[in-house]
C-alpha atoms as a PDB file:
ATOM      1  CA  GLN A   1     139.502 115.156  12.349  1.00  0.00           C
ATOM      2  CA  LEU A   2     140.231 111.493  12.928  1.00  0.00           C
ATOM      3  CA  ILE A   3     143.617 112.337  14.422  1.00  0.00           C
ATOM      4  CA  ALA A   4     142.089 115.113  16.543  1.00  0.00           C
ATOM      5  CA  PHE A   5     139.465 112.625  17.755  1.00  0.00           C
ATOM      6  CA  LEU A   6     142.135 110.117  18.775  1.00  0.00           C
ATOM      7  CA  LYS A   7     144.188 112.784  20.553  1.00  0.00           C
ATOM      8  CA  GLU A   8     141.199 114.133  22.474  1.00  0.00           C
ATOM      9  CA  HIS A   9     140.900 111.191  24.866  1.00  0.00           C
ATOM     10  CA  PRO A  10     142.900 107.967  25.283  1.00  0.00           C
ATOM     11  CA  ASP A  11     139.755 105.808  25.239  1.00  0.00           C
ATOM     12  CA  ASN A  12     138.543 107.168  21.878  1.00  0.00           C
ATOM     13  CA  GLN A  13     140.556 104.541  20.040  1.00  0.00           C
ATOM     14  CA  LYS A  14     138.229 101.872  21.465  1.00  0.00           C
ATOM     15  CA  ASP A  15     135.252 103.478  19.719  1.00  0.00           C
ATOM     16  CA  ILE A  16     136.746 103.054  16.274  1.00  0.00           C
ATOM     17  CA  ALA A  17     138.920  99.946  16.760  1.00  0.00           C
ATOM     18  CA  ASP A  18     136.753  97.654  14.603  1.00  0.00           C
ATOM     19  CA  MET A  19     135.946 100.234  11.913  1.00  0.00           C
ATOM     20  CA  SER A  20     137.431 100.734   8.483  1.00  0.00           C
ATOM     21  CA  LEU A  21     139.367 103.970   7.914  1.00  0.00           C
ATOM     22  CA  GLU A  22     136.383 105.424   6.071  1.00  0.00           C
ATOM     23  CA  GLU A  23     133.941 104.479   8.860  1.00  0.00           C
ATOM     24  CA  ALA A  24     136.296 105.803  11.549  1.00  0.00           C
ATOM     25  CA  THR A  25     136.740 109.094   9.710  1.00  0.00           C
ATOM     26  CA  LYS A  26     132.970 109.488   9.320  1.00  0.00           C
ATOM     27  CA  PHE A  27     132.534 108.683  13.032  1.00  0.00           C
ATOM     28  CA  ALA A  28     135.086 111.359  13.995  1.00  0.00           C
ATOM     29  CA  VAL A  29     133.492 113.965  11.706  1.00  0.00           C
ATOM     30  CA  ASN A  30     130.056 113.263  13.215  1.00  0.00           C
ATOM     31  CA  TYR A  31     131.513 113.463  16.706  1.00  0.00           C
ATOM     32  CA  PHE A  32     132.925 116.947  16.129  1.00  0.00           C
ATOM     33  CA  THR A  33     129.719 118.068  14.396  1.00  0.00           C
ATOM     34  CA  GLU A  34     127.625 117.040  17.392  1.00  0.00           C
ATOM     35  CA  LYS A  35     130.027 117.983  20.180  1.00  0.00           C
ATOM     36  CA  GLU A  36     128.850 120.942  22.242  1.00  0.00           C
ATOM     37  CA  VAL A  37     130.893 124.093  22.739  1.00  0.00           C
ATOM     38  CA  GLU A  38     131.356 124.328  26.509  1.00  0.00           C
ATOM     39  CA  GLU A  39     130.678 128.106  26.587  1.00  0.00           C
ATOM     40  CA  ASN A  40     127.201 127.527  25.099  1.00  0.00           C
ATOM     41  CA  ILE A  41     126.046 125.410  28.031  1.00  0.00           C
ATOM     42  CA  ILE A  42     123.992 127.878  30.044  1.00  0.00           C
ATOM     43  CA  LYS A  43     122.866 125.629  32.905  1.00  0.00           C
ATOM     44  CA  ARG A  44     123.723 122.140  34.094  1.00  0.00           C
ATOM     45  CA  TYR A  45     121.713 119.656  36.162  1.00  0.00           C
ATOM     46  CA  PRO A  46     124.534 117.314  37.243  1.00  0.00           C
ATOM     47  CA  LYS A  47     122.384 114.742  39.066  1.00  0.00           C
ATOM     48  CA  LYS A  48     120.450 114.006  35.873  1.00  0.00           C
ATOM     49  CA  ASN A  49     123.306 114.653  33.380  1.00  0.00           C
ATOM     50  CA  MET A  50     121.060 117.286  31.748  1.00  0.00           C
ATOM     51  CA  PHE A  51     121.892 120.767  30.500  1.00  0.00           C
ATOM     52  CA  TRP A  52     120.462 123.684  28.544  1.00  0.00           C
ATOM     53  CA  TYR A  53     122.478 124.420  25.417  1.00  0.00           C
ATOM     54  CA  ASN A  54     122.400 127.711  23.495  1.00  0.00           C
ATOM     55  CA  ILE A  55     122.486 126.694  19.832  1.00  0.00           C
ATOM     56  CA  GLY A  56     123.343 130.306  18.988  1.00  0.00           C
ATOM     57  CA  GLU A  57     121.009 130.789  16.044  1.00  0.00           C
ATOM     58  CA  GLY A  58     117.406 130.308  14.990  1.00  0.00           C
ATOM     59  CA  SER A  59     118.028 127.251  12.835  1.00  0.00           C
ATOM     60  CA  CYS A  60     119.919 124.010  13.372  1.00  0.00           C
ATOM     61  CA  PRO A  61     119.854 120.973  11.056  1.00  0.00           C
ATOM     62  CA  LEU A  62     121.420 118.821  13.789  1.00  0.00           C
ATOM     63  CA  GLU A  63     118.635 119.688  16.248  1.00  0.00           C
ATOM     64  CA  ALA A  64     116.079 119.034  13.501  1.00  0.00           C
ATOM     65  CA  SER A  65     117.538 115.595  12.890  1.00  0.00           C
ATOM     66  CA  ARG A  66     117.723 114.704  16.578  1.00  0.00           C
ATOM     67  CA  MET A  67     114.242 115.937  17.417  1.00  0.00           C
ATOM     68  CA  GLY A  68     112.249 115.088  14.290  1.00  0.00           C
ATOM     69  CA  HIS A  69     111.065 118.658  13.749  1.00  0.00           C
ATOM     70  CA  CYS A  70     112.101 121.516  11.457  1.00  0.00           C
ATOM     71  CA  GLY A  71     114.833 122.747  13.806  1.00  0.00           C
ATOM     72  CA  ARG A  72     114.121 126.396  13.131  1.00  0.00           C
ATOM     73  CA  SER A  73     112.056 129.247  14.468  1.00  0.00           C
ATOM     74  CA  ASP A  74     109.460 131.328  12.639  1.00  0.00           C
ATOM     75  CA  LYS A  75     110.950 134.475  14.211  1.00  0.00           C
ATOM     76  CA  ASP A  76     114.033 135.964  12.545  1.00  0.00           C
ATOM     77  CA  ASP A  77     115.597 137.245  15.773  1.00  0.00           C
ATOM     78  CA  SER A  78     115.115 134.086  17.818  1.00  0.00           C
ATOM     79  CA  VAL A  79     117.750 131.759  19.204  1.00  0.00           C
ATOM     80  CA  LEU A  80     117.181 128.060  19.750  1.00  0.00           C
ATOM     81  CA  TYR A  81     117.971 126.423  23.076  1.00  0.00           C
ATOM     82  CA  SER A  82     118.114 122.677  23.542  1.00  0.00           C
ATOM     83  CA  LEU A  83     117.635 120.609  26.686  1.00  0.00           C
ATOM     84  CA  ARG A  84     120.159 117.812  26.351  1.00  0.00           C
ATOM     85  CA  ARG A  85     121.390 114.803  28.273  1.00  0.00           C
ATOM     86  CA  LYS A  86     124.871 113.375  28.150  1.00  0.00           C
ATOM     87  CA  SER A  87     125.470 110.509  30.524  1.00  0.00           C
ATOM     88  CA  PRO A  88     128.964 109.359  31.477  1.00  0.00           C
ATOM     89  CA  GLY A  89     130.469 107.314  28.686  1.00  0.00           C
ATOM     90  CA  MET A  90     128.334 108.906  25.973  1.00  0.00           C
ATOM     91  CA  LYS A  91     130.310 110.528  23.158  1.00  0.00           C
ATOM     92  CA  VAL A  92     127.476 112.860  22.132  1.00  0.00           C
ATOM     93  CA  SER A  93     124.371 114.122  23.891  1.00  0.00           C
ATOM     94  CA  ASP A  94     120.687 113.476  23.190  1.00  0.00           C
ATOM     95  CA  SER A  95     118.235 116.353  22.658  1.00  0.00           C
ATOM     96  CA  HIS A  96     114.864 116.330  24.470  1.00  0.00           C
ATOM     97  CA  VAL A  97     113.310 119.824  24.233  1.00  0.00           C
ATOM     98  CA  THR A  98     113.865 122.714  21.823  1.00  0.00           C
ATOM     99  CA  ILE A  99     112.877 126.277  22.781  1.00  0.00           C
ATOM    100  CA  SER A 100     112.753 129.296  20.466  1.00  0.00           C
ATOM    101  CA  TYR A 101     113.553 132.395  22.551  1.00  0.00           C
ATOM    102  CA  VAL A 102     113.619 136.078  21.538  1.00  0.00           C
ATOM    103  CA  GLU A 103     115.692 138.023  24.045  1.00  0.00           C
ATOM    104  CA  SER A 104     114.596 141.495  22.864  1.00  0.00           C
ATOM    105  CA  GLU A 105     110.970 140.556  23.629  1.00  0.00           C
ATOM    106  CA  ASP A 106     111.635 138.350  26.687  1.00  0.00           C
ATOM    107  CA  ALA A 107     109.440 135.874  24.827  1.00  0.00           C
ATOM    108  CA  VAL A 108     109.326 132.197  23.974  1.00  0.00           C
ATOM    109  CA  TYR A 109     107.677 131.308  20.684  1.00  0.00           C
ATOM    110  CA  GLN A 110     108.060 127.548  20.570  1.00  0.00           C
ATOM    111  CA  ILE A 111     108.624 124.792  23.111  1.00  0.00           C
ATOM    112  CA  LYS A 112     108.807 121.498  21.272  1.00  0.00           C
ATOM    113  CA  GLY A 113     109.520 117.933  22.258  1.00  0.00           C
ATOM    114  CA  LYS A 114     110.283 115.113  19.841  1.00  0.00           C
ATOM    115  CA  GLY A 115     108.294 115.173  16.614  1.00  0.00           C
ATOM    116  CA  ASN A 116     106.942 118.705  17.261  1.00  0.00           C
ATOM    117  CA  CYS A 117     104.813 117.443  20.165  1.00  0.00           C
ATOM    118  CA  THR A 118     104.720 118.649  23.732  1.00  0.00           C
ATOM    119  CA  PRO A 119     107.816 117.803  25.730  1.00  0.00           C
ATOM    120  CA  GLU A 120     107.563 114.668  27.844  1.00  0.00           C
ATOM    121  CA  GLU A 121     106.119 115.370  31.283  1.00  0.00           C
ATOM    122  CA  ARG A 122     109.436 114.621  33.015  1.00  0.00           C
ATOM    123  CA  TYR A 123     111.022 117.593  31.195  1.00  0.00           C
ATOM    124  CA  GLY A 124     108.388 120.086  32.401  1.00  0.00           C
ATOM    125  CA  PRO A 125     110.409 121.248  35.440  1.00  0.00           C
ATOM    126  CA  TYR A 126     113.399 121.971  33.175  1.00  0.00           C
ATOM    127  CA  VAL A 127     111.218 124.072  30.882  1.00  0.00           C
ATOM    128  CA  VAL A 128     109.865 125.997  33.885  1.00  0.00           C
ATOM    129  CA  ASP A 129     113.433 126.502  35.112  1.00  0.00           C
ATOM    130  CA  PHE A 130     114.397 127.865  31.667  1.00  0.00           C
ATOM    131  CA  LEU A 131     111.488 130.348  31.773  1.00  0.00           C
ATOM    132  CA  LYS A 132     112.595 131.525  35.225  1.00  0.00           C
ATOM    133  CA  MET A 133     116.278 131.669  34.285  1.00  0.00           C
ATOM    134  CA  MET A 134     115.579 133.796  31.193  1.00  0.00           C
ATOM    135  CA  ASP A 135     112.909 135.873  33.008  1.00  0.00           C
ATOM    136  CA  VAL A 136     110.445 135.157  30.196  1.00  0.00           C
ATOM    137  CA  GLN A 137     107.522 137.590  30.108  1.00  0.00           C
ATOM    138  CA  ARG A 138     105.457 136.024  27.291  1.00  0.00           C
ATOM    139  CA  VAL A 139     104.917 132.473  26.070  1.00  0.00           C
ATOM    140  CA  HIS A 140     103.470 132.244  22.561  1.00  0.00           C
ATOM    141  CA  GLU A 141     103.504 128.445  22.125  1.00  0.00           C
ATOM    142  CA  THR A 142     100.222 127.230  20.624  1.00  0.00           C
ATOM    143  CA  GLY A 143     101.134 123.847  19.240  1.00  0.00           C
ATOM    144  CA  MET A 144     101.544 125.311  15.770  1.00  0.00           C
ATOM    145  CA  HIS A 145     103.245 122.888  13.341  1.00  0.00           C
ATOM    146  CA  SER A 146     102.027 119.991  15.506  1.00  0.00           C
ATOM    147  CA  ASP A 147      99.220 117.472  15.613  1.00  0.00           C
ATOM    148  CA  CYS A 148      99.557 117.307  19.400  1.00  0.00           C
ATOM    149  CA  ASN A 149      97.319 119.108  21.880  1.00  0.00           C
ATOM    150  CA  PHE A 150      99.348 121.690  23.815  1.00  0.00           C
ATOM    151  CA  ASN A 151      96.529 122.847  26.147  1.00  0.00           C
ATOM    152  CA  ASP A 152      97.555 120.748  29.179  1.00  0.00           C
ATOM    153  CA  PHE A 153     101.212 121.663  28.691  1.00  0.00           C
ATOM    154  CA  ILE A 154     100.458 125.408  28.534  1.00  0.00           C
ATOM    155  CA  GLU A 155      98.202 125.065  31.583  1.00  0.00           C
ATOM    156  CA  TYR A 156     101.038 123.312  33.453  1.00  0.00           C
ATOM    157  CA  LEU A 157     103.467 126.114  32.534  1.00  0.00           C
ATOM    158  CA  SER A 158     101.018 128.837  33.578  1.00  0.00           C
ATOM    159  CA  GLU A 159     100.561 127.146  36.984  1.00  0.00           C
ATOM    160  CA  LYS A 160     104.283 126.613  37.586  1.00  0.00           C
ATOM    161  CA  TYR A 161     105.417 129.926  36.090  1.00  0.00           C
ATOM    162  CA  PRO A 162     102.546 132.415  36.443  1.00  0.00           C
ATOM    163  CA  GLU A 163     104.889 135.372  35.893  1.00  0.00           C
ATOM    164  CA  ALA A 164     104.541 135.056  32.106  1.00  0.00           C
ATOM    165  CA  ASP A 165     101.649 136.160  29.913  1.00  0.00           C
ATOM    166  CA  TYR A 166     100.050 133.183  28.153  1.00  0.00           C
ATOM    167  CA  GLU A 167      97.092 135.168  26.787  1.00  0.00           C
ATOM    168  CA  ALA A 168      98.555 135.524  23.286  1.00  0.00           C
ATOM    169  CA  SER A 169      99.067 131.759  23.228  1.00  0.00           C
ATOM    170  CA  GLN A 170      95.460 131.138  24.230  1.00  0.00           C
ATOM    171  CA  LYS A 171      94.146 133.632  21.646  1.00  0.00           C
ATOM    172  CA  ARG A 172      96.161 131.997  18.881  1.00  0.00           C
ATOM    173  CA  GLN A 173      94.834 128.582  19.912  1.00  0.00           C
ATOM    174  CA  LEU A 174      91.265 129.853  19.644  1.00  0.00           C
ATOM    175  CA  GLU A 175      91.988 131.415  16.243  1.00  0.00           C
ATOM    176  CA  GLU A 176      93.435 128.134  14.989  1.00  0.00           C
ATOM    177  CA  LEU A 177      90.327 126.270  16.174  1.00  0.00           C
END
């Protein structure tokens, strides 16, 4: 993997120039572990260097590590999507929002920011765009697995994307209370 890393781009040698062979090898392995598969990028926002990435399964240890949450969905048939940023010069992207989506139900079960909290406000429009892009019919996010209050976030989503049913989310919030 170290050789593949060096062959991938002429500037890659600069990243490992001051490392031992062991450190350089570990760096290259991590790079290929975190590198996105181009076909899994479902939408790009070039002006902000952001993109939605289809993780392809309902569990991802890498996403868990990046985001500080479990990195998996409670639903067996869900797929995780990650809102990521990769600015020019960055070797790997940063994750900012994780969504658990079930295509057969046109439903979202979780929308988590860092540490299982609500996504930062600046990522709200990207979440709304995801809901529109996937034609989501139901949003079941309640803030489960979180100490954060999701009420304002769900209210924001319901105002910006009224096409979805948020009733199940509201009922579950009341039950949890």
